[in-house]
Protein backbone atom coordinates (compact mmCIF):
# COMPACT_ATOMS: atom_id res chain seq x y z
CA MET A 1 37.76 3.29 66.99
CA THR A 2 39.16 0.14 65.42
CA ILE A 3 37.71 -0.35 62.08
CA GLN A 4 36.90 -4.04 61.44
CA PHE A 5 37.43 -5.69 58.08
CA PRO A 6 35.96 -9.28 57.90
CA PHE A 7 38.74 -10.62 55.92
CA ASP A 8 38.76 -14.02 55.03
CA ASN A 9 41.79 -14.56 52.60
CA LEU A 10 42.21 -17.43 50.34
CA TYR A 11 44.50 -16.12 47.72
CA ALA A 12 46.99 -15.48 50.41
CA ARG A 13 47.34 -19.23 51.10
CA MET A 14 48.53 -19.95 47.71
CA PRO A 15 52.07 -21.15 47.47
CA ALA A 16 55.23 -19.06 47.00
CA GLY A 17 55.66 -17.52 43.52
CA PHE A 18 51.85 -16.53 43.21
CA PHE A 19 52.56 -13.29 44.96
CA ALA A 20 54.87 -11.16 46.89
CA ARG A 21 54.10 -9.96 50.36
CA VAL A 22 54.48 -6.24 50.48
CA GLU A 23 52.73 -3.50 52.52
CA PRO A 24 51.52 -0.24 51.35
CA THR A 25 54.08 2.70 51.71
CA PRO A 26 52.66 5.18 54.38
CA THR A 27 51.35 8.51 52.95
CA GLN A 28 52.06 11.93 54.51
CA SER A 29 48.45 13.38 55.22
CA PRO A 30 45.67 11.31 53.66
CA ARG A 31 42.20 12.59 53.11
CA LEU A 32 39.12 10.85 51.91
CA VAL A 33 37.53 12.69 49.09
CA GLN A 34 34.93 10.04 48.11
CA LEU A 35 33.34 7.07 49.90
CA ASN A 36 31.01 4.83 48.17
CA ARG A 37 28.76 4.13 51.20
CA ALA A 38 26.24 1.95 49.66
CA LEU A 39 29.30 -0.40 48.59
CA ALA A 40 30.68 -0.26 52.16
CA ILE A 41 27.35 -1.62 53.42
CA GLU A 42 27.20 -4.24 50.71
CA LEU A 43 30.66 -5.45 51.93
CA GLY A 44 29.73 -5.61 55.54
CA LEU A 45 31.75 -2.42 56.44
CA ASP A 46 30.94 0.35 58.59
CA PRO A 47 30.69 3.53 56.29
CA ASP A 48 30.66 5.96 59.34
CA ALA A 49 33.79 4.19 60.63
CA LEU A 50 35.62 4.59 57.43
CA ASP A 51 34.44 8.29 57.21
CA THR A 52 37.05 9.18 59.73
CA PRO A 53 40.64 10.03 59.80
CA GLU A 54 41.33 6.50 60.94
CA GLY A 55 39.41 5.27 57.78
CA ALA A 56 41.16 7.71 55.56
CA GLU A 57 44.57 6.47 56.68
CA ILE A 58 43.30 2.78 55.82
CA LEU A 59 42.02 3.69 52.46
CA ALA A 60 45.19 5.66 51.68
CA GLY A 61 47.39 2.77 52.86
CA LYS A 62 48.94 4.61 55.78
CA ARG A 63 47.36 2.07 58.34
CA ILE A 64 46.95 -1.75 57.67
CA PRO A 65 43.72 -3.13 59.03
CA GLU A 66 43.70 -6.08 61.40
CA VAL A 67 43.71 -9.54 59.61
CA ALA A 68 45.05 -7.86 56.53
CA GLU A 69 47.56 -9.88 54.46
CA PRO A 70 48.95 -7.26 52.00
CA LEU A 71 50.33 -8.74 48.66
CA ALA A 72 50.95 -8.01 45.12
CA MET A 73 49.99 -10.43 42.48
CA ALA A 74 52.32 -12.00 40.06
CA TYR A 75 51.34 -12.17 36.45
CA ALA A 76 52.60 -11.84 32.79
CA GLY A 77 50.85 -10.59 29.60
CA HIS A 78 50.62 -9.67 26.18
CA GLN A 79 50.86 -6.01 25.76
CA PHE A 80 49.61 -4.84 22.43
CA GLY A 81 50.43 -8.29 21.20
CA HIS A 82 54.08 -8.51 22.60
CA PHE A 83 54.64 -11.07 25.45
CA VAL A 84 56.07 -9.82 28.71
CA PRO A 85 57.07 -12.71 31.01
CA GLN A 86 56.82 -10.84 34.08
CA LEU A 87 54.47 -7.89 35.06
CA GLY A 88 52.49 -8.06 38.39
CA ASP A 89 50.87 -5.59 40.53
CA GLY A 90 53.09 -2.67 40.16
CA ARG A 91 51.22 -0.21 41.96
CA ALA A 92 48.42 -2.06 43.66
CA ILE A 93 48.21 -4.26 46.69
CA LEU A 94 45.60 -6.54 47.67
CA LEU A 95 44.69 -5.98 51.30
CA GLY A 96 42.50 -9.17 51.59
CA GLU A 97 39.31 -10.83 50.77
CA VAL A 98 35.69 -10.27 52.36
CA VAL A 99 32.64 -12.28 51.93
CA ASP A 100 29.93 -9.84 51.40
CA ARG A 101 26.26 -9.75 52.72
CA ALA A 102 25.24 -11.53 49.67
CA GLY A 103 27.84 -14.53 50.32
CA GLU A 104 30.07 -13.46 47.56
CA ARG A 105 33.72 -13.37 47.89
CA ARG A 106 35.56 -9.85 47.11
CA ASP A 107 38.95 -8.79 46.83
CA ILE A 108 39.60 -5.28 48.44
CA GLN A 109 42.64 -3.65 46.81
CA LEU A 110 44.56 -0.37 47.15
CA LYS A 111 45.68 1.05 43.82
CA GLY A 112 48.43 3.55 43.85
CA SER A 113 49.72 2.70 47.48
CA GLY A 114 53.47 2.48 46.74
CA PRO A 115 56.09 0.31 45.02
CA THR A 116 56.22 -3.58 44.82
CA PRO A 117 58.69 -6.07 43.59
CA TYR A 118 56.58 -5.90 40.32
CA SER A 119 56.97 -2.13 39.93
CA ARG A 120 59.75 -2.35 37.19
CA ASN A 121 61.41 0.93 38.43
CA GLY A 122 58.06 2.78 38.76
CA ASP A 123 57.01 4.79 41.76
CA GLY A 124 53.89 2.46 42.48
CA ARG A 125 51.78 5.67 42.97
CA ALA A 126 48.76 7.10 41.11
CA ALA A 127 47.81 10.60 40.35
CA LEU A 128 44.41 12.06 41.40
CA GLY A 129 42.97 12.47 37.77
CA PRO A 130 43.20 8.57 36.85
CA VAL A 131 41.80 7.57 40.42
CA LEU A 132 38.79 9.95 40.05
CA ARG A 133 38.32 8.78 36.47
CA GLU A 134 38.27 4.84 37.41
CA TYR A 135 35.96 5.75 40.32
CA LEU A 136 33.54 7.66 37.87
CA VAL A 137 33.62 5.10 34.93
CA SER A 138 33.64 1.78 37.13
CA GLU A 139 30.74 3.00 39.31
CA ALA A 140 28.97 4.14 35.89
CA MET A 141 29.43 0.72 34.52
CA HIS A 142 27.98 -0.97 37.30
CA ALA A 143 24.92 1.35 37.36
CA LEU A 144 24.69 0.37 33.67
CA GLY A 145 24.44 -3.25 34.64
CA ILE A 146 27.76 -4.21 33.20
CA PRO A 147 29.96 -6.49 35.18
CA THR A 148 32.91 -4.63 36.46
CA THR A 149 35.39 -3.76 39.46
CA ARG A 150 33.79 -1.28 41.86
CA ALA A 151 35.35 1.91 43.47
CA LEU A 152 34.95 1.89 47.32
CA ALA A 153 36.87 4.99 47.90
CA ALA A 154 39.25 7.65 46.63
CA ALA A 155 41.54 9.26 48.99
CA THR A 156 44.35 11.93 48.23
CA THR A 157 47.90 11.26 49.74
CA GLY A 158 48.91 14.78 50.59
CA GLU A 159 52.09 14.06 48.08
CA GLN A 160 52.76 14.76 44.73
CA VAL A 161 53.54 12.25 42.01
CA TYR A 162 55.65 13.13 38.90
CA ARG A 163 54.46 12.19 35.55
CA GLU A 164 55.03 15.00 32.72
CA THR A 165 54.41 17.38 35.56
CA ALA A 166 53.79 17.16 39.30
CA LEU A 167 50.38 15.98 40.21
CA PRO A 168 48.47 15.37 43.40
CA GLY A 169 48.69 11.63 44.58
CA ALA A 170 45.80 9.72 45.28
CA VAL A 171 44.89 5.86 46.04
CA LEU A 172 41.83 4.04 44.74
CA THR A 173 40.22 1.33 46.99
CA ARG A 174 39.02 -1.00 44.27
CA VAL A 175 36.64 -4.11 44.83
CA ALA A 176 36.48 -7.02 42.42
CA SER A 177 35.15 -10.71 42.57
CA SER A 178 38.82 -11.46 42.07
CA HIS A 179 41.98 -9.98 40.35
CA ILE A 180 42.89 -13.22 38.54
CA ARG A 181 43.53 -12.37 34.95
CA VAL A 182 44.44 -14.49 31.75
CA GLY A 183 48.08 -13.07 32.26
CA THR A 184 48.17 -14.66 35.74
CA PHE A 185 47.83 -18.16 33.86
CA GLN A 186 50.29 -16.97 31.38
CA PHE A 187 52.88 -16.17 34.11
CA PHE A 188 53.11 -19.73 35.22
CA ALA A 189 52.73 -21.11 31.55
CA ALA A 190 55.79 -19.21 30.52
CA ARG A 191 57.55 -20.89 33.27
CA GLY A 192 56.35 -24.49 32.48
CA ARG A 193 54.81 -24.64 36.01
CA VAL A 194 52.04 -27.11 35.27
CA ASP A 195 51.64 -27.67 39.03
CA ALA A 196 51.12 -24.07 39.56
CA LEU A 197 48.65 -23.76 36.49
CA ARG A 198 46.70 -26.46 38.06
CA GLN A 199 46.56 -24.83 41.54
CA LEU A 200 45.59 -21.56 39.76
CA ALA A 201 42.83 -23.21 37.71
CA ASP A 202 41.49 -25.13 40.63
CA HIS A 203 41.43 -21.75 42.75
CA ALA A 204 39.54 -20.34 39.81
CA ILE A 205 36.93 -22.91 39.45
CA ALA A 206 36.22 -22.75 43.21
CA ARG A 207 36.07 -18.96 43.31
CA HIS A 208 34.23 -18.34 40.01
CA TYR A 209 32.90 -21.64 38.41
CA PRO A 210 32.03 -24.05 40.95
CA ASP A 211 29.84 -26.04 38.63
CA ALA A 212 32.86 -26.65 36.53
CA ALA A 213 34.30 -28.87 39.29
CA GLN A 214 31.51 -31.35 38.62
CA ALA A 215 32.09 -31.48 34.78
CA ALA A 216 33.62 -34.60 33.11
CA SER A 217 36.46 -32.06 31.88
CA PRO A 218 36.62 -29.39 34.66
CA TYR A 219 39.33 -27.27 33.01
CA ARG A 220 37.63 -27.21 29.56
CA ALA A 221 34.51 -26.25 31.37
CA LEU A 222 36.66 -23.35 33.22
CA LEU A 223 37.69 -22.12 29.69
CA GLU A 224 34.09 -22.51 28.37
CA GLY A 225 32.92 -20.44 31.48
CA VAL A 226 35.54 -17.57 30.97
CA ALA A 227 34.79 -17.38 27.07
CA ALA A 228 31.08 -17.26 27.69
CA ARG A 229 31.34 -14.42 30.43
CA GLN A 230 33.72 -12.46 28.11
CA GLY A 231 31.49 -12.77 25.05
CA ARG A 232 28.59 -11.36 27.13
CA LEU A 233 30.67 -8.53 28.81
CA VAL A 234 32.16 -7.31 25.29
CA ALA A 235 28.57 -7.39 23.85
CA GLN A 236 27.66 -5.16 26.61
CA TRP A 237 30.35 -2.67 26.09
CA LEU A 238 29.66 -2.52 22.47
CA LEU A 239 25.89 -1.62 23.12
CA VAL A 240 26.67 1.30 25.11
CA GLY A 241 29.58 2.65 23.10
CA PHE A 242 32.37 1.86 25.68
CA ILE A 243 35.89 1.60 24.55
CA HIS A 244 38.27 -0.10 27.12
CA GLY A 245 41.29 1.24 25.43
CA VAL A 246 44.05 -1.41 26.57
CA MET A 247 42.72 -4.87 26.22
CA ASN A 248 46.09 -6.64 26.98
CA THR A 249 45.83 -10.05 28.43
CA ASP A 250 46.89 -8.71 31.83
CA ASN A 251 43.71 -6.53 31.77
CA MET A 252 41.24 -9.36 31.16
CA SER A 253 39.68 -10.76 34.23
CA VAL A 254 38.78 -14.55 34.30
CA ALA A 255 35.79 -13.59 36.49
CA GLY A 256 34.22 -11.88 33.49
CA GLU A 257 34.52 -8.26 34.95
CA THR A 258 35.64 -5.04 33.22
CA ILE A 259 38.93 -4.33 35.12
CA ASP A 260 41.86 -1.75 34.68
CA TYR A 261 40.12 1.57 33.66
CA GLY A 262 43.21 3.29 32.27
CA PRO A 263 42.79 4.99 28.71
CA CYS A 264 39.17 4.10 28.51
CA ALA A 265 36.31 6.23 27.18
CA PHE A 266 32.87 6.31 25.64
CA MET A 267 32.05 7.04 22.19
CA ASP A 268 30.04 10.48 21.14
CA ALA A 269 29.95 10.46 17.54
CA TYR A 270 29.59 7.01 16.24
CA ASP A 271 32.65 5.45 14.19
CA PRO A 272 33.56 1.99 14.57
CA ARG A 273 37.19 2.97 14.14
CA THR A 274 37.36 5.14 17.34
CA VAL A 275 40.35 5.04 19.39
CA PHE A 276 41.08 7.29 22.48
CA SER A 277 44.25 5.74 23.78
CA SER A 278 47.25 7.67 23.40
CA ILE A 279 49.31 4.59 23.21
CA ASP A 280 47.08 2.76 20.80
CA GLN A 281 48.75 4.12 17.79
CA PHE A 282 47.42 1.50 15.27
CA GLY A 283 44.15 1.16 16.40
CA ARG A 284 44.58 -2.29 17.85
CA TYR A 285 41.92 -1.86 20.38
CA ALA A 286 39.40 0.23 18.39
CA TYR A 287 35.81 0.09 19.36
CA ALA A 288 34.82 -2.46 16.56
CA ASN A 289 37.95 -4.45 17.14
CA GLN A 290 37.00 -5.34 20.77
CA PRO A 291 35.13 -8.83 20.15
CA GLY A 292 38.28 -9.90 18.00
CA ILE A 293 40.82 -8.83 20.59
CA ALA A 294 38.83 -10.77 23.24
CA GLN A 295 38.88 -13.70 21.39
CA TRP A 296 42.42 -13.36 20.65
CA ASN A 297 43.16 -13.12 24.36
CA LEU A 298 41.07 -16.05 25.26
CA ALA A 299 43.08 -18.27 22.75
CA ARG A 300 46.08 -17.29 24.71
CA LEU A 301 44.28 -18.42 27.85
CA ALA A 302 43.43 -21.75 26.19
CA GLU A 303 47.15 -22.15 25.17
CA CYS A 304 47.99 -22.11 28.92
CA LEU A 305 45.33 -24.65 29.66
CA LEU A 306 46.35 -27.19 27.16
CA PRO A 307 48.54 -29.31 29.49
CA LEU A 308 45.45 -29.43 31.94
CA LEU A 309 42.95 -30.48 29.16
CA ASP A 310 44.53 -33.62 27.92
CA PRO A 311 48.14 -35.27 27.67
CA ASN A 312 47.82 -35.55 23.97
CA GLU A 313 48.29 -32.06 22.53
CA GLU A 314 46.31 -32.59 19.56
CA ALA A 315 43.28 -33.76 21.66
CA ALA A 316 44.00 -30.80 23.96
CA VAL A 317 43.87 -28.24 20.98
CA ALA A 318 40.65 -29.84 19.89
CA GLN A 319 39.00 -29.41 23.08
CA ALA A 320 40.19 -25.84 23.57
CA GLN A 321 38.71 -24.82 20.09
CA GLU A 322 35.57 -26.27 20.96
CA ALA A 323 35.69 -24.60 24.29
CA LEU A 324 36.47 -21.29 22.78
CA GLY A 325 33.22 -21.42 20.68
CA ALA A 326 31.31 -20.41 23.91
CA PHE A 327 32.76 -16.91 23.17
CA ALA A 328 31.04 -16.55 19.79
CA ASP A 329 27.67 -18.04 21.03
CA ALA A 330 27.52 -15.71 24.19
CA PHE A 331 28.77 -12.53 22.23
CA ASN A 332 26.24 -12.94 19.21
CA GLU A 333 23.20 -13.69 21.63
CA GLY A 334 24.09 -10.66 23.91
CA TYR A 335 24.78 -8.30 21.23
CA LEU A 336 21.93 -9.08 18.88
CA GLY A 337 19.52 -9.46 21.65
CA GLY A 338 20.68 -5.98 22.88
CA LEU A 339 20.31 -4.46 19.62
CA ARG A 340 16.65 -5.66 19.19
CA ARG A 341 15.92 -4.14 22.50
CA LYS A 342 17.43 -0.79 21.47
CA LEU A 343 15.55 -0.93 18.16
CA GLY A 344 12.29 -1.73 19.96
CA LEU A 345 12.10 -5.26 18.01
CA LEU A 346 9.79 -7.63 20.05
CA ARG A 347 10.36 -10.53 17.89
CA GLU A 348 13.42 -12.15 16.22
CA GLN A 349 13.64 -11.90 12.61
CA PRO A 350 16.54 -13.32 10.34
CA ASP A 351 17.48 -9.92 9.20
CA ASP A 352 17.77 -8.00 12.50
CA ILE A 353 21.41 -7.60 12.29
CA ASP A 354 21.08 -6.21 8.82
CA LEU A 355 18.59 -3.50 10.04
CA ALA A 356 20.78 -2.73 12.84
CA GLN A 357 23.98 -2.45 10.55
CA ALA A 358 22.03 -0.28 8.13
CA LEU A 359 21.40 2.22 10.92
CA PHE A 360 25.00 2.20 12.12
CA SER A 361 26.25 2.99 8.38
CA ALA A 362 23.63 5.88 8.34
CA MET A 363 25.17 7.24 12.03
CA ALA A 364 28.60 6.80 10.68
CA ALA A 365 28.05 8.80 7.76
CA ALA A 366 26.48 11.56 9.67
CA ARG A 367 28.83 11.26 12.67
CA ALA A 368 25.77 10.86 14.79
CA ASP A 369 25.80 10.73 18.67
CA PHE A 370 25.71 7.03 19.53
CA THR A 371 23.82 7.43 22.92
CA LEU A 372 21.46 10.14 21.62
CA THR A 373 20.65 8.27 18.57
CA PHE A 374 19.03 5.43 20.54
CA ARG A 375 17.36 7.61 23.12
CA ARG A 376 15.73 9.62 20.27
CA LEU A 377 14.99 6.70 18.30
CA ALA A 378 12.75 5.61 21.28
CA ASP A 379 10.67 8.77 20.73
CA ALA A 380 10.39 8.16 17.15
CA ALA A 381 8.73 4.75 17.99
CA LEU A 382 5.64 6.91 19.09
CA GLY A 383 5.20 7.87 15.51
CA PRO A 384 6.68 9.99 12.60
CA GLN A 385 5.45 13.39 14.36
CA HIS A 386 8.24 12.55 17.05
CA GLU A 387 11.21 12.03 14.75
CA ALA A 388 12.51 15.73 14.86
CA GLY A 389 15.11 14.99 17.82
CA LEU A 390 16.40 12.07 15.90
CA ARG A 391 16.52 13.93 12.65
CA GLY A 392 18.76 16.81 14.29
CA LEU A 393 21.31 14.21 14.80
CA PHE A 394 21.84 13.21 10.98
CA GLY A 395 22.52 16.54 9.44
CA SER A 396 22.74 16.22 5.76
CA GLU A 397 22.37 12.49 6.00
CA GLN A 398 18.34 12.90 5.94
CA ALA A 399 17.94 10.65 3.01
CA ALA A 400 19.75 7.72 4.55
CA LEU A 401 17.92 8.06 7.61
CA ASP A 402 14.52 8.32 5.66
CA GLU A 403 15.34 5.22 3.81
CA TRP A 404 16.19 3.29 7.22
CA LEU A 405 13.00 4.79 9.23
CA ALA A 406 10.87 3.29 6.38
CA VAL A 407 12.01 -0.17 6.63
CA TRP A 408 12.12 0.09 10.47
CA ARG A 409 8.52 1.45 10.50
CA ASP A 410 7.32 -1.56 8.45
CA ARG A 411 8.92 -3.96 10.92
CA LEU A 412 7.41 -2.38 13.79
CA ALA A 413 3.94 -2.26 12.25
CA ALA A 414 4.17 -5.99 11.85
CA GLU A 415 4.73 -6.68 15.57
CA ASP A 416 1.51 -4.67 16.60
CA ALA A 417 2.69 -3.61 20.00
CA PRO A 418 1.40 -0.37 21.84
CA ALA A 419 3.81 2.39 20.99
CA GLU A 420 4.21 3.68 24.69
CA THR A 421 5.00 0.25 25.72
CA ARG A 422 7.79 -0.17 23.07
CA ARG A 423 9.13 3.35 23.77
CA ALA A 424 9.31 2.33 27.37
CA ALA A 425 11.22 -0.83 26.73
CA MET A 426 13.69 1.12 24.49
CA LEU A 427 14.38 3.68 26.95
CA ARG A 428 15.38 0.72 29.48
CA ALA A 429 17.88 -0.58 26.77
CA SER A 430 19.72 2.72 26.18
CA PRO A 431 20.92 5.26 28.70
CA ALA A 432 20.29 8.93 28.90
CA VAL A 433 23.51 9.65 30.28
CA ILE A 434 27.17 8.18 30.06
CA PRO A 435 30.43 9.48 31.27
CA ARG A 436 30.79 12.09 28.82
CA ASN A 437 34.48 12.61 28.05
CA HIS A 438 34.34 16.30 28.22
CA ARG A 439 32.36 16.50 31.37
CA VAL A 440 34.64 13.73 32.89
CA GLU A 441 37.57 16.09 32.15
CA ALA A 442 35.98 19.12 33.50
CA ALA A 443 35.17 17.34 36.86
CA LEU A 444 38.75 16.02 36.97
CA SER A 445 40.28 19.61 36.45
CA ALA A 446 38.09 21.13 38.96
CA ALA A 447 39.28 18.66 41.62
CA ILE A 448 42.92 18.63 40.49
CA GLU A 449 43.15 22.40 39.98
CA ARG A 450 40.89 24.03 42.51
CA ASP A 451 40.21 21.00 44.92
CA ASP A 452 36.64 21.44 43.98
CA TYR A 453 34.97 18.27 44.13
CA ALA A 454 31.38 19.35 43.54
CA PRO A 455 31.39 18.46 39.78
CA PHE A 456 32.71 15.25 40.32
CA GLU A 457 30.29 14.51 43.03
CA GLU A 458 27.30 15.73 40.76
CA MET A 459 28.66 13.42 37.97
CA ALA A 460 28.72 10.44 40.45
CA ARG A 461 25.25 11.02 41.56
CA VAL A 462 23.56 11.14 38.10
CA LEU A 463 25.70 8.35 36.69
CA ALA A 464 24.26 6.32 39.57
CA ASP A 465 20.88 6.38 37.84
CA PRO A 466 21.86 6.34 33.97
CA TYR A 467 18.47 5.69 32.45
CA ALA A 468 16.35 8.36 34.16
CA GLU A 469 15.38 11.44 32.59
CA SER A 470 15.75 14.41 34.99
CA ALA A 471 16.62 18.13 34.88
CA ASP A 472 19.94 17.46 36.68
CA ALA A 473 20.94 14.65 34.20
CA SER A 474 20.16 16.80 31.04
CA PRO A 475 23.28 18.96 30.97
CA LEU A 476 25.54 15.86 31.52
CA ALA A 477 23.68 13.89 28.58
CA GLN A 478 24.52 16.47 26.06
CA PRO A 479 27.64 15.66 23.75
CA PRO A 480 30.30 18.14 23.32
CA ALA A 481 29.56 21.29 21.50
CA GLU A 482 32.41 20.79 19.05
CA ASP A 483 34.01 17.94 17.44
CA ARG A 484 36.05 16.13 19.95
CA SER A 485 37.38 13.30 17.52
CA ASP A 486 41.22 14.45 18.71
CA TYR A 487 40.34 13.53 22.24
CA ARG A 488 42.94 11.39 23.93
CA THR A 489 43.04 9.53 27.13
CA PHE A 490 46.17 8.28 28.94
CA CYS A 491 47.20 5.17 31.00
CA GLY A 492 48.17 7.31 34.28
CA THR A 493 51.53 5.55 35.04
């Protein structure tokens, strides 16, 4: 059987210097451990054909499908605020692009498929744990309705990779609207390649922001579009307690998707200073810092685009500053709108943000669970007799909760909506289940240590419907029994 990928590659037509042509390094004995059949169909692929030994060889990088044009993309980036002029795909290879059944262009990339010219002395491989983590979390984000790269498959390689210890190797097949990053623009800006910047910007406009091509200033419209999408995206992160963990400019997609799930995690107990990443020693990418960091990253993109905005630098800077305002507008609208839905507020009032912040202050003092607070608040919307579950999260901070509930109930009473209708709307705004860190770790440990993928498969199944209440979801919805504020995540490289 010959597996057909309907590749229609555009980035491979870009000039020399945009990428390096490189093929995946063949692996010993690949085995498919998870296939996203629904996504395969969406991409116009045959899941039955992929779920074969030949499919496993393709998805682990041992065999190259026809019409593929494997390449590693070049980019630079600010990493924790420090500029590195050359990074690039050090362990990822873009097989090619397909146009899916909805007419959308999508990249298909192998992550962990061997060294490239950008590997910087790395092995180009991925360990099984980070591959399964990215699969779980990226698909959970998709189910939550948050723009994200997707996971088509996870395959083991039959080989070991060496980090602190020997670990089973694996390859993730990642799907994205594109893999163009802020750092891709920085790569050419750092070299003074205005011609290449223009080609890259034109490509990004054609692929992601076609309306910008008709604007009076297409490159300003591009910057506005990227800023607005990032504003909406970060607002969605905050509304579910997600912490990216490594918001370097090379990890920010100009398509507005969440990309590069390294040391990411979801909050359990609410604390705006929460950091999980072992390499973020000073909290640069803490939960509450994410909007500011996104704006900082976008300012770096704006710097790259200045030569395209106007030949007069002062005029170009003025255009860039105005365009960057799209971030705050989109973020504030998305975040405040999301908070209103989570709080069950049906009409806008000027003090809505104050009401939300007062609840967050009480949650922080009580170390109340972020996800469960909003689910149980939905129950409390039915009346004071339904507050027990919510009160159980606030421990000794009942007085602060009482004070807040009194203000909240006055606000609800002024809106005159059926309680059941309000509760149903609130439940649609706050998931019942997220990838709880302790559950993720248990699933990864079972796969790595015992070759047992049942916990992983169960998590993937439940996370695919995160707003549903069910007996299967209930155990995965519970926070850890003990304080896990010392929990740390790692990059995987």
